């Protein structure tokens, strides 16, 4: 299940963050990081089929 704030990779290779789930398994609003000519962030609506993978975050403690 994909939820708000998940970090994803699109089939285009771009990285995005889910801003809003319009309909689970169907459509999402995402913030896409684009690197052509520098960095920019755009807001797009995508379909579930546009998603290649979901990133899984792990926490690593910092030794003091």
PDB file of N, CA and C in Angstrom:
ATOM      1  N   UNK A   1       0.833  -1.175   0.000  1.00  0.00           N
ATOM      2  CA  UNK A   1       0.000   0.000   0.000  1.00  0.00           C
ATOM      3  C   UNK A   1       0.886   1.251   0.000  1.00  0.00           C
ATOM      4  N   UNK A   2       0.629   2.147  -0.902  1.00  0.00           N
ATOM      5  CA  UNK A   2       1.368   3.399  -0.994  1.00  0.00           C
ATOM      6  C   UNK A   2       0.576   4.464  -0.239  1.00  0.00           C
ATOM      7  N   UNK A   3       1.296   5.257   0.581  1.00  0.00           N
ATOM      8  CA  UNK A   3       0.622   6.272   1.387  1.00  0.00           C
ATOM      9  C   UNK A   3       1.325   7.618   1.248  1.00  0.00           C
ATOM     10  N   UNK A   4       0.675   8.666   1.785  1.00  0.00           N
ATOM     11  CA  UNK A   4       1.252  10.006   1.735  1.00  0.00           C
ATOM     12  C   UNK A   4       2.636  10.018   2.371  1.00  0.00           C
ATOM     13  N   UNK A   5       3.520  10.798   1.808  1.00  0.00           N
ATOM     14  CA  UNK A   5       4.912  10.986   2.243  1.00  0.00           C
ATOM     15  C   UNK A   5       5.842   9.853   1.832  1.00  0.00           C
ATOM     16  N   UNK A   6       5.357   8.809   1.174  1.00  0.00           N
ATOM     17  CA  UNK A   6       6.243   7.760   0.669  1.00  0.00           C
ATOM     18  C   UNK A   6       7.133   8.326  -0.428  1.00  0.00           C
ATOM     19  N   UNK A   7       8.388   7.894  -0.433  1.00  0.00           N
ATOM     20  CA  UNK A   7       9.340   8.261  -1.479  1.00  0.00           C
ATOM     21  C   UNK A   7       9.301   7.152  -2.518  1.00  0.00           C
ATOM     22  N   UNK A   8       9.162   7.531  -3.794  1.00  0.00           N
ATOM     23  CA  UNK A   8       9.025   6.535  -4.858  1.00  0.00           C
ATOM     24  C   UNK A   8       9.975   6.833  -6.013  1.00  0.00           C
ATOM     25  N   UNK A   9      10.197   5.816  -6.837  1.00  0.00           N
ATOM     26  CA  UNK A   9      10.909   6.004  -8.101  1.00  0.00           C
ATOM     27  C   UNK A   9       9.889   5.766  -9.210  1.00  0.00           C
ATOM     28  N   UNK A  10       9.821   6.719 -10.128  1.00  0.00           N
ATOM     29  CA  UNK A  10       8.938   6.578 -11.274  1.00  0.00           C
ATOM     30  C   UNK A  10       9.613   5.742 -12.349  1.00  0.00           C
ATOM     31  N   UNK A  11       8.852   5.218 -13.270  1.00  0.00           N
ATOM     32  CA  UNK A  11       9.414   4.417 -14.361  1.00  0.00           C
ATOM     33  C   UNK A  11      10.326   5.250 -15.255  1.00  0.00           C
ATOM     34  N   UNK A  12      10.221   6.588 -15.164  1.00  0.00           N
ATOM     35  CA  UNK A  12      11.113   7.486 -15.907  1.00  0.00           C
ATOM     36  C   UNK A  12      12.485   7.580 -15.251  1.00  0.00           C
ATOM     37  N   UNK A  13      12.601   7.026 -14.019  1.00  0.00           N
ATOM     38  CA  UNK A  13      13.854   7.098 -13.268  1.00  0.00           C
ATOM     39  C   UNK A  13      13.871   8.244 -12.272  1.00  0.00           C
ATOM     40  N   UNK A  14      12.902   9.134 -12.328  1.00  0.00           N
ATOM     41  CA  UNK A  14      12.854  10.278 -11.433  1.00  0.00           C
ATOM     42  C   UNK A  14      12.386   9.848 -10.035  1.00  0.00           C
ATOM     43  N   UNK A  15      12.808  10.612  -9.032  1.00  0.00           N
ATOM     44  CA  UNK A  15      12.415  10.381  -7.644  1.00  0.00           C
ATOM     45  C   UNK A  15      11.262  11.334  -7.324  1.00  0.00           C
ATOM     46  N   UNK A  16      10.282  10.839  -6.571  1.00  0.00           N
ATOM     47  CA  UNK A  16       9.137  11.667  -6.202  1.00  0.00           C
ATOM     48  C   UNK A  16       8.675  11.326  -4.797  1.00  0.00           C
ATOM     49  N   UNK A  17       7.880  12.226  -4.225  1.00  0.00           N
ATOM     50  CA  UNK A  17       7.262  12.001  -2.916  1.00  0.00           C
ATOM     51  C   UNK A  17       5.754  12.110  -3.089  1.00  0.00           C
ATOM     52  N   UNK A  18       5.020  11.164  -2.513  1.00  0.00           N
ATOM     53  CA  UNK A  18       3.566  11.182  -2.595  1.00  0.00           C
ATOM     54  C   UNK A  18       3.045  12.313  -1.716  1.00  0.00           C
ATOM     55  N   UNK A  19       2.323  13.265  -2.316  1.00  0.00           N
ATOM     56  CA  UNK A  19       1.728  14.373  -1.567  1.00  0.00           C
ATOM     57  C   UNK A  19       0.294  14.063  -1.177  1.00  0.00           C
ATOM     58  N   UNK A  20      -0.409  13.359  -2.059  1.00  0.00           N
ATOM     59  CA  UNK A  20      -1.808  13.052  -1.799  1.00  0.00           C
ATOM     60  C   UNK A  20      -2.200  11.777  -2.536  1.00  0.00           C
ATOM     61  N   UNK A  21      -2.938  10.920  -1.874  1.00  0.00           N
ATOM     62  CA  UNK A  21      -3.481   9.716  -2.496  1.00  0.00           C
ATOM     63  C   UNK A  21      -4.884  10.074  -2.977  1.00  0.00           C
ATOM     64  N   UNK A  22      -5.063  10.137  -4.291  1.00  0.00           N
ATOM     65  CA  UNK A  22      -6.379  10.457  -4.837  1.00  0.00           C
ATOM     66  C   UNK A  22      -7.304   9.253  -4.750  1.00  0.00           C
ATOM     67  N   UNK A  23      -6.761   8.106  -5.165  1.00  0.00           N
ATOM     68  CA  UNK A  23      -7.494   6.843  -5.046  1.00  0.00           C
ATOM     69  C   UNK A  23      -6.457   5.733  -4.944  1.00  0.00           C
ATOM     70  N   UNK A  24      -6.461   5.000  -3.841  1.00  0.00           N
ATOM     71  CA  UNK A  24      -5.461   3.958  -3.589  1.00  0.00           C
ATOM     72  C   UNK A  24      -5.374   2.989  -4.761  1.00  0.00           C
ATOM     73  N   UNK A  25      -4.145   2.798  -5.249  1.00  0.00           N
ATOM     74  CA  UNK A  25      -3.914   1.881  -6.349  1.00  0.00           C
ATOM     75  C   UNK A  25      -4.293   2.418  -7.715  1.00  0.00           C
ATOM     76  N   UNK A  26      -4.707   3.705  -7.763  1.00  0.00           N
ATOM     77  CA  UNK A  26      -5.152   4.278  -9.043  1.00  0.00           C
ATOM     78  C   UNK A  26      -4.406   5.561  -9.390  1.00  0.00           C
ATOM     79  N   UNK A  27      -4.490   6.600  -8.525  1.00  0.00           N
ATOM     80  CA  UNK A  27      -3.925   7.910  -8.864  1.00  0.00           C
ATOM     81  C   UNK A  27      -3.388   8.624  -7.633  1.00  0.00           C
ATOM     82  N   UNK A  28      -2.337   9.433  -7.862  1.00  0.00           N
ATOM     83  CA  UNK A  28      -1.650  10.135  -6.788  1.00  0.00           C
ATOM     84  C   UNK A  28      -1.218  11.522  -7.271  1.00  0.00           C
ATOM     85  N   UNK A  29      -1.068  12.458  -6.324  1.00  0.00           N
ATOM     86  CA  UNK A  29      -0.409  13.734  -6.574  1.00  0.00           C
ATOM     87  C   UNK A  29       0.990  13.582  -5.992  1.00  0.00           C
ATOM     88  N   UNK A  30       2.011  13.933  -6.777  1.00  0.00           N
ATOM     89  CA  UNK A  30       3.392  13.757  -6.334  1.00  0.00           C
ATOM     90  C   UNK A  30       4.219  15.019  -6.557  1.00  0.00           C
ATOM     91  N   UNK A  31       5.275  15.154  -5.756  1.00  0.00           N
ATOM     92  CA  UNK A  31       6.298  16.173  -5.955  1.00  0.00           C
ATOM     93  C   UNK A  31       7.479  15.465  -6.611  1.00  0.00           C
ATOM     94  N   UNK A  32       7.777  15.832  -7.841  1.00  0.00           N
ATOM     95  CA  UNK A  32       8.833  15.166  -8.608  1.00  0.00           C
ATOM     96  C   UNK A  32      10.086  16.034  -8.613  1.00  0.00           C
ATOM     97  N   UNK A  33      11.226  15.438  -8.255  1.00  0.00           N
ATOM     98  CA  UNK A  33      12.509  16.127  -8.313  1.00  0.00           C
ATOM     99  C   UNK A  33      13.082  15.914  -9.706  1.00  0.00           C
ATOM    100  N   UNK A  34      13.293  17.038 -10.401  1.00  0.00           N
ATOM    101  CA  UNK A  34      13.852  16.963 -11.755  1.00  0.00           C
ATOM    102  C   UNK A  34      15.248  17.573 -11.739  1.00  0.00           C
ATOM    103  N   UNK A  35      16.167  16.961 -12.467  1.00  0.00           N
ATOM    104  CA  UNK A  35      17.565  17.398 -12.434  1.00  0.00           C
ATOM    105  C   UNK A  35      18.051  17.982 -13.753  1.00  0.00           C
ATOM    106  N   UNK A  36      17.186  18.162 -14.719  1.00  0.00           N
ATOM    107  CA  UNK A  36      17.620  18.716 -16.002  1.00  0.00           C
ATOM    108  C   UNK A  36      17.866  20.213 -15.862  1.00  0.00           C
ATOM    109  N   UNK A  37      19.106  20.642 -16.109  1.00  0.00           N
ATOM    110  CA  UNK A  37      19.462  22.053 -15.998  1.00  0.00           C
ATOM    111  C   UNK A  37      19.437  22.565 -14.569  1.00  0.00           C
ATOM    112  N   UNK A  38      19.792  21.735 -13.612  1.00  0.00           N
ATOM    113  CA  UNK A  38      19.728  22.096 -12.198  1.00  0.00           C
ATOM    114  C   UNK A  38      18.620  21.316 -11.516  1.00  0.00           C
ATOM    115  N   UNK A  39      18.317  21.670 -10.288  1.00  0.00           N
ATOM    116  CA  UNK A  39      17.265  20.972  -9.550  1.00  0.00           C
ATOM    117  C   UNK A  39      15.982  21.775  -9.581  1.00  0.00           C
ATOM    118  N   UNK A  40      14.877  21.087  -9.754  1.00  0.00           N
ATOM    119  CA  UNK A  40      13.562  21.718  -9.651  1.00  0.00           C
ATOM    120  C   UNK A  40      12.581  20.680  -9.131  1.00  0.00           C
ATOM    121  N   UNK A  41      11.518  21.154  -8.512  1.00  0.00           N
ATOM    122  CA  UNK A  41      10.472  20.281  -8.006  1.00  0.00           C
ATOM    123  C   UNK A  41       9.172  20.690  -8.675  1.00  0.00           C
ATOM    124  N   UNK A  42       8.486  19.722  -9.249  1.00  0.00           N
ATOM    125  CA  UNK A  42       7.202  19.994  -9.887  1.00  0.00           C
ATOM    126  C   UNK A  42       6.131  19.103  -9.268  1.00  0.00           C
ATOM    127  N   UNK A  43       4.910  19.581  -9.313  1.00  0.00           N
ATOM    128  CA  UNK A  43       3.771  18.833  -8.803  1.00  0.00           C
ATOM    129  C   UNK A  43       3.067  18.195  -9.996  1.00  0.00           C
ATOM    130  N   UNK A  44       2.864  16.889  -9.946  1.00  0.00           N
ATOM    131  CA  UNK A  44       2.225  16.163 -11.043  1.00  0.00           C
ATOM    132  C   UNK A  44       1.196  15.185 -10.495  1.00  0.00           C
ATOM    133  N   UNK A  45       0.256  14.835 -11.337  1.00  0.00           N
ATOM    134  CA  UNK A  45      -0.665  13.736 -11.026  1.00  0.00           C
ATOM    135  C   UNK A  45      -0.177  12.533 -11.812  1.00  0.00           C
ATOM    136  N   UNK A  46      -0.056  11.392 -11.133  1.00  0.00           N
ATOM    137  CA  UNK A  46       0.420  10.181 -11.793  1.00  0.00           C
ATOM    138  C   UNK A  46      -0.565   9.044 -11.558  1.00  0.00           C
ATOM    139  N   UNK A  47      -0.398   8.008 -12.363  1.00  0.00           N
ATOM    140  CA  UNK A  47      -1.178   6.782 -12.196  1.00  0.00           C
ATOM    141  C   UNK A  47      -0.314   5.758 -11.469  1.00  0.00           C
ATOM    142  N   UNK A  48      -0.957   4.781 -10.874  1.00  0.00           N
ATOM    143  CA  UNK A  48      -0.238   3.729 -10.161  1.00  0.00           C
ATOM    144  C   UNK A  48       0.769   3.028 -11.082  1.00  0.00           C
ATOM    145  N   UNK A  49       0.426   2.861 -12.346  1.00  0.00           N
ATOM    146  CA  UNK A  49       1.311   2.188 -13.299  1.00  0.00           C
ATOM    147  C   UNK A  49       2.587   2.972 -13.594  1.00  0.00           C
ATOM    148  N   UNK A  50       2.646   4.257 -13.213  1.00  0.00           N
ATOM    149  CA  UNK A  50       3.840   5.083 -13.423  1.00  0.00           C
ATOM    150  C   UNK A  50       4.919   4.813 -12.378  1.00  0.00           C
ATOM    151  N   UNK A  51       4.570   4.088 -11.300  1.00  0.00           N
ATOM    152  CA  UNK A  51       5.483   3.861 -10.181  1.00  0.00           C
ATOM    153  C   UNK A  51       6.282   2.577 -10.407  1.00  0.00           C
ATOM    154  N   UNK A  52       7.610   2.714 -10.305  1.00  0.00           N
ATOM    155  CA  UNK A  52       8.498   1.556 -10.446  1.00  0.00           C
ATOM    156  C   UNK A  52       8.758   0.898  -9.100  1.00  0.00           C
ATOM    157  N   UNK A  53       9.010   1.722  -8.048  1.00  0.00           N
ATOM    158  CA  UNK A  53       9.322   1.157  -6.736  1.00  0.00           C
ATOM    159  C   UNK A  53       9.058   2.171  -5.634  1.00  0.00           C
ATOM    160  N   UNK A  54       9.014   1.654  -4.397  1.00  0.00           N
ATOM    161  CA  UNK A  54       8.842   2.472  -3.203  1.00  0.00           C
ATOM    162  C   UNK A  54      10.095   2.309  -2.352  1.00  0.00           C
ATOM    163  N   UNK A  55      10.651   3.421  -1.880  1.00  0.00           N
ATOM    164  CA  UNK A  55      11.827   3.361  -1.022  1.00  0.00           C
ATOM    165  C   UNK A  55      11.423   2.947   0.384  1.00  0.00           C
ATOM    166  N   UNK A  56      12.277   2.143   1.021  1.00  0.00           N
ATOM    167  CA  UNK A  56      12.068   1.725   2.403  1.00  0.00           C
ATOM    168  C   UNK A  56      13.165   2.374   3.227  1.00  0.00           C
ATOM    169  N   UNK A  57      12.766   3.152   4.219  1.00  0.00           N
ATOM    170  CA  UNK A  57      13.714   3.887   5.045  1.00  0.00           C
ATOM    171  C   UNK A  57      14.132   3.054   6.250  1.00  0.00           C
ATOM    172  N   UNK A  58      15.416   3.103   6.565  1.00  0.00           N
ATOM    173  CA  UNK A  58      15.909   2.444   7.785  1.00  0.00           C
ATOM    174  C   UNK A  58      16.693   3.463   8.593  1.00  0.00           C
ATOM    175  N   UNK A  59      16.627   3.347   9.881  1.00  0.00           N
ATOM    176  CA  UNK A  59      17.325   4.262  10.775  1.00  0.00           C
ATOM    177  C   UNK A  59      18.610   3.614  11.257  1.00  0.00           C
ATOM    178  N   UNK A  60      19.710   4.395  11.224  1.00  0.00           N
ATOM    179  CA  UNK A  60      20.986   3.915  11.727  1.00  0.00           C
ATOM    180  C   UNK A  60      21.447   4.856  12.832  1.00  0.00           C
ATOM    181  N   UNK A  61      21.700   4.334  14.025  1.00  0.00           N
ATOM    182  CA  UNK A  61      22.139   5.199  15.125  1.00  0.00           C
ATOM    183  C   UNK A  61      23.536   5.766  14.862  1.00  0.00           C
ATOM    184  N   UNK A  62      23.754   6.963  15.376  1.00  0.00           N
ATOM    185  CA  UNK A  62      25.067   7.605  15.258  1.00  0.00           C
ATOM    186  C   UNK A  62      25.824   7.338  16.547  1.00  0.00           C
ATOM    187  N   UNK A  63      27.023   6.804  16.396  1.00  0.00           N
ATOM    188  CA  UNK A  63      27.865   6.507  17.576  1.00  0.00           C
ATOM    189  C   UNK A  63      28.378   7.813  18.165  1.00  0.00           C
ATOM    190  N   UNK A  64      28.307   7.901  19.481  1.00  0.00           N
ATOM    191  CA  UNK A  64      28.802   9.121  20.159  1.00  0.00           C
ATOM    192  C   UNK A  64      30.089   8.810  20.878  1.00  0.00           C
TER     193      UNK A  64
END
